[in-house]
Amino acid sequence: MKKNYTVFFLLLFVSSISGGMALKNFFDYSMIIGVGLAMIFLFAAAFSLGKKNRKNKSYN
């Protein structure tokens, strides 16, 4: 079974933004933390996709 981490990181990206929006009335900096985590997950998804594409091109 092939592991697709890109989709997993994109789901974490969306959920961290949603979590930041949901907690903005309870914590002062929740939206900043949510967007910060989202950017980390977005970069991780891009890295995972690039690694997967490089791996696929080496066999062709």
PDB file of N, CA and C in Angstrom:
ATOM      1  N   MET A   1       0.839  -1.176   0.000  1.00  0.00           N
ATOM      2  CA  MET A   1       0.000   0.000   0.000  1.00  0.00           C
ATOM      3  C   MET A   1       0.886   1.241   0.000  1.00  0.00           C
ATOM      4  N   LYS A   2       0.608   2.160  -0.896  1.00  0.00           N
ATOM      5  CA  LYS A   2       1.380   3.392  -0.966  1.00  0.00           C
ATOM      6  C   LYS A   2       0.888   4.371   0.091  1.00  0.00           C
ATOM      7  N   LYS A   3       1.850   5.024   0.733  1.00  0.00           N
ATOM      8  CA  LYS A   3       1.510   6.005   1.754  1.00  0.00           C
ATOM      9  C   LYS A   3       1.526   7.383   1.117  1.00  0.00           C
ATOM     10  N   ASN A   4       0.442   8.106   1.292  1.00  0.00           N
ATOM     11  CA  ASN A   4       0.337   9.448   0.734  1.00  0.00           C
ATOM     12  C   ASN A   4       0.272  10.452   1.882  1.00  0.00           C
ATOM     13  N   TYR A   5       1.429  10.950   2.265  1.00  0.00           N
ATOM     14  CA  TYR A   5       1.498  11.890   3.374  1.00  0.00           C
ATOM     15  C   TYR A   5       1.037  13.285   2.973  1.00  0.00           C
ATOM     16  N   THR A   6       1.010  13.577   1.688  1.00  0.00           N
ATOM     17  CA  THR A   6       0.620  14.905   1.229  1.00  0.00           C
ATOM     18  C   THR A   6      -0.827  15.204   1.633  1.00  0.00           C
ATOM     19  N   VAL A   7      -1.704  14.275   1.431  1.00  0.00           N
ATOM     20  CA  VAL A   7      -3.112  14.459   1.790  1.00  0.00           C
ATOM     21  C   VAL A   7      -3.258  14.605   3.304  1.00  0.00           C
ATOM     22  N   PHE A   8      -2.500  13.836   4.046  1.00  0.00           N
ATOM     23  CA  PHE A   8      -2.542  13.919   5.509  1.00  0.00           C
ATOM     24  C   PHE A   8      -2.115  15.307   5.984  1.00  0.00           C
ATOM     25  N   PHE A   9      -1.032  15.838   5.419  1.00  0.00           N
ATOM     26  CA  PHE A   9      -0.565  17.166   5.817  1.00  0.00           C
ATOM     27  C   PHE A   9      -1.548  18.252   5.389  1.00  0.00           C
ATOM     28  N   LEU A  10      -2.205  18.087   4.251  1.00  0.00           N
ATOM     29  CA  LEU A  10      -3.204  19.067   3.827  1.00  0.00           C
ATOM     30  C   LEU A  10      -4.424  19.053   4.750  1.00  0.00           C
ATOM     31  N   LEU A  11      -4.810  17.876   5.219  1.00  0.00           N
ATOM     32  CA  LEU A  11      -5.912  17.804   6.180  1.00  0.00           C
ATOM     33  C   LEU A  11      -5.534  18.459   7.511  1.00  0.00           C
ATOM     34  N   LEU A  12      -4.293  18.273   7.931  1.00  0.00           N
ATOM     35  CA  LEU A  12      -3.830  18.954   9.142  1.00  0.00           C
ATOM     36  C   LEU A  12      -3.773  20.463   8.939  1.00  0.00           C
ATOM     37  N   PHE A  13      -3.430  20.905   7.731  1.00  0.00           N
ATOM     38  CA  PHE A  13      -3.412  22.322   7.382  1.00  0.00           C
ATOM     39  C   PHE A  13      -4.793  22.940   7.593  1.00  0.00           C
ATOM     40  N   VAL A  14      -5.797  22.301   7.034  1.00  0.00           N
ATOM     41  CA  VAL A  14      -7.170  22.819   7.142  1.00  0.00           C
ATOM     42  C   VAL A  14      -7.672  22.756   8.585  1.00  0.00           C
ATOM     43  N   SER A  15      -7.369  21.669   9.275  1.00  0.00           N
ATOM     44  CA  SER A  15      -7.864  21.537  10.645  1.00  0.00           C
ATOM     45  C   SER A  15      -7.194  22.519  11.604  1.00  0.00           C
ATOM     46  N   SER A  16      -5.936  22.877  11.356  1.00  0.00           N
ATOM     47  CA  SER A  16      -5.289  23.843  12.245  1.00  0.00           C
ATOM     48  C   SER A  16      -5.873  25.239  12.055  1.00  0.00           C
ATOM     49  N   ILE A  17      -6.223  25.605  10.827  1.00  0.00           N
ATOM     50  CA  ILE A  17      -6.884  26.893  10.614  1.00  0.00           C
ATOM     51  C   ILE A  17      -8.282  26.878  11.243  1.00  0.00           C
ATOM     52  N   SER A  18      -8.990  25.782  11.075  1.00  0.00           N
ATOM     53  CA  SER A  18     -10.327  25.669  11.676  1.00  0.00           C
ATOM     54  C   SER A  18     -10.257  25.714  13.201  1.00  0.00           C
ATOM     55  N   GLY A  19      -9.251  25.046  13.763  1.00  0.00           N
ATOM     56  CA  GLY A  19      -9.078  25.067  15.211  1.00  0.00           C
ATOM     57  C   GLY A  19      -8.747  26.460  15.720  1.00  0.00           C
ATOM     58  N   GLY A  20      -7.935  27.184  14.980  1.00  0.00           N
ATOM     59  CA  GLY A  20      -7.624  28.558  15.363  1.00  0.00           C
ATOM     60  C   GLY A  20      -8.840  29.448  15.337  1.00  0.00           C
ATOM     61  N   MET A  21      -9.681  29.262  14.337  1.00  0.00           N
ATOM     62  CA  MET A  21     -10.919  30.053  14.257  1.00  0.00           C
ATOM     63  C   MET A  21     -11.905  29.665  15.358  1.00  0.00           C
ATOM     64  N   ALA A  22     -11.961  28.382  15.668  1.00  0.00           N
ATOM     65  CA  ALA A  22     -12.907  27.919  16.683  1.00  0.00           C
ATOM     66  C   ALA A  22     -12.514  28.390  18.082  1.00  0.00           C
ATOM     67  N   LEU A  23     -11.218  28.525  18.334  1.00  0.00           N
ATOM     68  CA  LEU A  23     -10.758  28.887  19.675  1.00  0.00           C
ATOM     69  C   LEU A  23     -10.436  30.370  19.839  1.00  0.00           C
ATOM     70  N   LYS A  24     -10.776  31.186  18.854  1.00  0.00           N
ATOM     71  CA  LYS A  24     -10.383  32.598  18.931  1.00  0.00           C
ATOM     72  C   LYS A  24     -11.096  33.357  20.052  1.00  0.00           C
ATOM     73  N   ASN A  25     -12.227  32.865  20.516  1.00  0.00           N
ATOM     74  CA  ASN A  25     -12.918  33.533  21.625  1.00  0.00           C
ATOM     75  C   ASN A  25     -12.402  33.077  22.991  1.00  0.00           C
ATOM     76  N   PHE A  26     -11.615  32.003  23.025  1.00  0.00           N
ATOM     77  CA  PHE A  26     -11.122  31.469  24.287  1.00  0.00           C
ATOM     78  C   PHE A  26      -9.667  31.831  24.559  1.00  0.00           C
ATOM     79  N   PHE A  27      -8.855  31.924  23.504  1.00  0.00           N
ATOM     80  CA  PHE A  27      -7.438  32.246  23.652  1.00  0.00           C
ATOM     81  C   PHE A  27      -7.117  33.464  22.809  1.00  0.00           C
ATOM     82  N   ASP A  28      -6.250  34.311  23.323  1.00  0.00           N
ATOM     83  CA  ASP A  28      -5.934  35.558  22.626  1.00  0.00           C
ATOM     84  C   ASP A  28      -5.207  35.324  21.303  1.00  0.00           C
ATOM     85  N   TYR A  29      -4.252  34.416  21.286  1.00  0.00           N
ATOM     86  CA  TYR A  29      -3.413  34.230  20.107  1.00  0.00           C
ATOM     87  C   TYR A  29      -3.704  32.923  19.377  1.00  0.00           C
ATOM     88  N   SER A  30      -4.899  32.407  19.491  1.00  0.00           N
ATOM     89  CA  SER A  30      -5.198  31.111  18.882  1.00  0.00           C
ATOM     90  C   SER A  30      -5.169  31.167  17.357  1.00  0.00           C
ATOM     91  N   MET A  31      -5.597  32.267  16.777  1.00  0.00           N
ATOM     92  CA  MET A  31      -5.586  32.356  15.311  1.00  0.00           C
ATOM     93  C   MET A  31      -4.162  32.440  14.773  1.00  0.00           C
ATOM     94  N   ILE A  32      -3.295  33.155  15.485  1.00  0.00           N
ATOM     95  CA  ILE A  32      -1.890  33.237  15.057  1.00  0.00           C
ATOM     96  C   ILE A  32      -1.222  31.870  15.159  1.00  0.00           C
ATOM     97  N   ILE A  33      -1.500  31.156  16.244  1.00  0.00           N
ATOM     98  CA  ILE A  33      -0.941  29.815  16.415  1.00  0.00           C
ATOM     99  C   ILE A  33      -1.498  28.876  15.352  1.00  0.00           C
ATOM    100  N   GLY A  34      -2.804  28.967  15.070  1.00  0.00           N
ATOM    101  CA  GLY A  34      -3.417  28.119  14.047  1.00  0.00           C
ATOM    102  C   GLY A  34      -2.842  28.361  12.672  1.00  0.00           C
ATOM    103  N   VAL A  35      -2.641  29.610  12.305  1.00  0.00           N
ATOM    104  CA  VAL A  35      -2.073  29.928  10.993  1.00  0.00           C
ATOM    105  C   VAL A  35      -0.601  29.520  10.939  1.00  0.00           C
ATOM    106  N   GLY A  36       0.115  29.689  12.051  1.00  0.00           N
ATOM    107  CA  GLY A  36       1.514  29.259  12.095  1.00  0.00           C
ATOM    108  C   GLY A  36       1.647  27.760  11.893  1.00  0.00           C
ATOM    109  N   LEU A  37       0.812  27.001  12.587  1.00  0.00           N
ATOM    110  CA  LEU A  37       0.820  25.547  12.387  1.00  0.00           C
ATOM    111  C   LEU A  37       0.395  25.178  10.969  1.00  0.00           C
ATOM    112  N   ALA A  38      -0.562  25.911  10.437  1.00  0.00           N
ATOM    113  CA  ALA A  38      -1.024  25.642   9.074  1.00  0.00           C
ATOM    114  C   ALA A  38       0.098  25.838   8.063  1.00  0.00           C
ATOM    115  N   MET A  39       0.902  26.874   8.256  1.00  0.00           N
ATOM    116  CA  MET A  39       2.018  27.108   7.332  1.00  0.00           C
ATOM    117  C   MET A  39       3.050  25.980   7.422  1.00  0.00           C
ATOM    118  N   ILE A  40       3.299  25.502   8.635  1.00  0.00           N
ATOM    119  CA  ILE A  40       4.227  24.381   8.798  1.00  0.00           C
ATOM    120  C   ILE A  40       3.699  23.145   8.077  1.00  0.00           C
ATOM    121  N   PHE A  41       2.406  22.866   8.230  1.00  0.00           N
ATOM    122  CA  PHE A  41       1.818  21.698   7.578  1.00  0.00           C
ATOM    123  C   PHE A  41       1.782  21.865   6.057  1.00  0.00           C
ATOM    124  N   LEU A  42       1.582  23.094   5.577  1.00  0.00           N
ATOM    125  CA  LEU A  42       1.585  23.332   4.144  1.00  0.00           C
ATOM    126  C   LEU A  42       2.981  23.109   3.562  1.00  0.00           C
ATOM    127  N   PHE A  43       4.009  23.581   4.258  1.00  0.00           N
ATOM    128  CA  PHE A  43       5.384  23.328   3.797  1.00  0.00           C
ATOM    129  C   PHE A  43       5.725  21.846   3.852  1.00  0.00           C
ATOM    130  N   ALA A  44       5.226  21.146   4.871  1.00  0.00           N
ATOM    131  CA  ALA A  44       5.456  19.702   4.963  1.00  0.00           C
ATOM    132  C   ALA A  44       4.769  18.965   3.821  1.00  0.00           C
ATOM    133  N   ALA A  45       3.573  19.406   3.433  1.00  0.00           N
ATOM    134  CA  ALA A  45       2.872  18.788   2.310  1.00  0.00           C
ATOM    135  C   ALA A  45       3.630  19.026   1.002  1.00  0.00           C
ATOM    136  N   ALA A  46       4.145  20.240   0.824  1.00  0.00           N
ATOM    137  CA  ALA A  46       4.911  20.540  -0.386  1.00  0.00           C
ATOM    138  C   ALA A  46       6.197  19.718  -0.429  1.00  0.00           C
ATOM    139  N   PHE A  47       6.865  19.577   0.703  1.00  0.00           N
ATOM    140  CA  PHE A  47       8.076  18.770   0.769  1.00  0.00           C
ATOM    141  C   PHE A  47       7.775  17.311   0.465  1.00  0.00           C
ATOM    142  N   SER A  48       6.693  16.804   1.028  1.00  0.00           N
ATOM    143  CA  SER A  48       6.296  15.416   0.796  1.00  0.00           C
ATOM    144  C   SER A  48       5.958  15.169  -0.674  1.00  0.00           C
ATOM    145  N   LEU A  49       5.264  16.117  -1.288  1.00  0.00           N
ATOM    146  CA  LEU A  49       4.917  15.983  -2.699  1.00  0.00           C
ATOM    147  C   LEU A  49       6.163  16.042  -3.575  1.00  0.00           C
ATOM    148  N   GLY A  50       7.070  16.952  -3.260  1.00  0.00           N
ATOM    149  CA  GLY A  50       8.308  17.045  -4.028  1.00  0.00           C
ATOM    150  C   GLY A  50       9.155  15.804  -3.896  1.00  0.00           C
ATOM    151  N   LYS A  51       9.207  15.247  -2.698  1.00  0.00           N
ATOM    152  CA  LYS A  51       9.966  14.015  -2.474  1.00  0.00           C
ATOM    153  C   LYS A  51       9.351  12.857  -3.243  1.00  0.00           C
ATOM    154  N   LYS A  52       8.027  12.805  -3.273  1.00  0.00           N
ATOM    155  CA  LYS A  52       7.340  11.735  -3.990  1.00  0.00           C
ATOM    156  C   LYS A  52       7.562  11.868  -5.502  1.00  0.00           C
ATOM    157  N   ASN A  53       7.502  13.097  -6.022  1.00  0.00           N
ATOM    158  CA  ASN A  53       7.711  13.299  -7.455  1.00  0.00           C
ATOM    159  C   ASN A  53       9.149  12.987  -7.851  1.00  0.00           C
ATOM    160  N   ARG A  54      10.110  13.345  -7.024  1.00  0.00           N
ATOM    161  CA  ARG A  54      11.514  13.045  -7.325  1.00  0.00           C
ATOM    162  C   ARG A  54      11.747  11.543  -7.339  1.00  0.00           C
ATOM    163  N   LYS A  55      11.085  10.835  -6.424  1.00  0.00           N
ATOM    164  CA  LYS A  55      11.223   9.382  -6.345  1.00  0.00           C
ATOM    165  C   LYS A  55      10.623   8.727  -7.582  1.00  0.00           C
ATOM    166  N   ASN A  56       9.481   9.232  -8.049  1.00  0.00           N
ATOM    167  CA  ASN A  56       8.838   8.660  -9.239  1.00  0.00           C
ATOM    168  C   ASN A  56       9.637   8.945 -10.504  1.00  0.00           C
ATOM    169  N   LYS A  57      10.271  10.094 -10.622  1.00  0.00           N
ATOM    170  CA  LYS A  57      11.034  10.434 -11.815  1.00  0.00           C
ATOM    171  C   LYS A  57      12.330   9.643 -11.923  1.00  0.00           C
ATOM    172  N   SER A  58      12.866   9.178 -10.807  1.00  0.00           N
ATOM    173  CA  SER A  58      14.128   8.443 -10.848  1.00  0.00           C
ATOM    174  C   SER A  58      13.959   7.063 -11.468  1.00  0.00           C
ATOM    175  N   TYR A  59      12.751   6.527 -11.483  1.00  0.00           N
ATOM    176  CA  TYR A  59      12.517   5.216 -12.068  1.00  0.00           C
ATOM    177  C   TYR A  59      12.214   5.285 -13.555  1.00  0.00           C
ATOM    178  N   ASN A  60      11.887   6.450 -14.085  1.00  0.00           N
ATOM    179  CA  ASN A  60      11.536   6.581 -15.509  1.00  0.00           C
ATOM    180  C   ASN A  60      12.750   6.760 -16.364  1.00  0.00           C
TER     181      ASN A  60
END
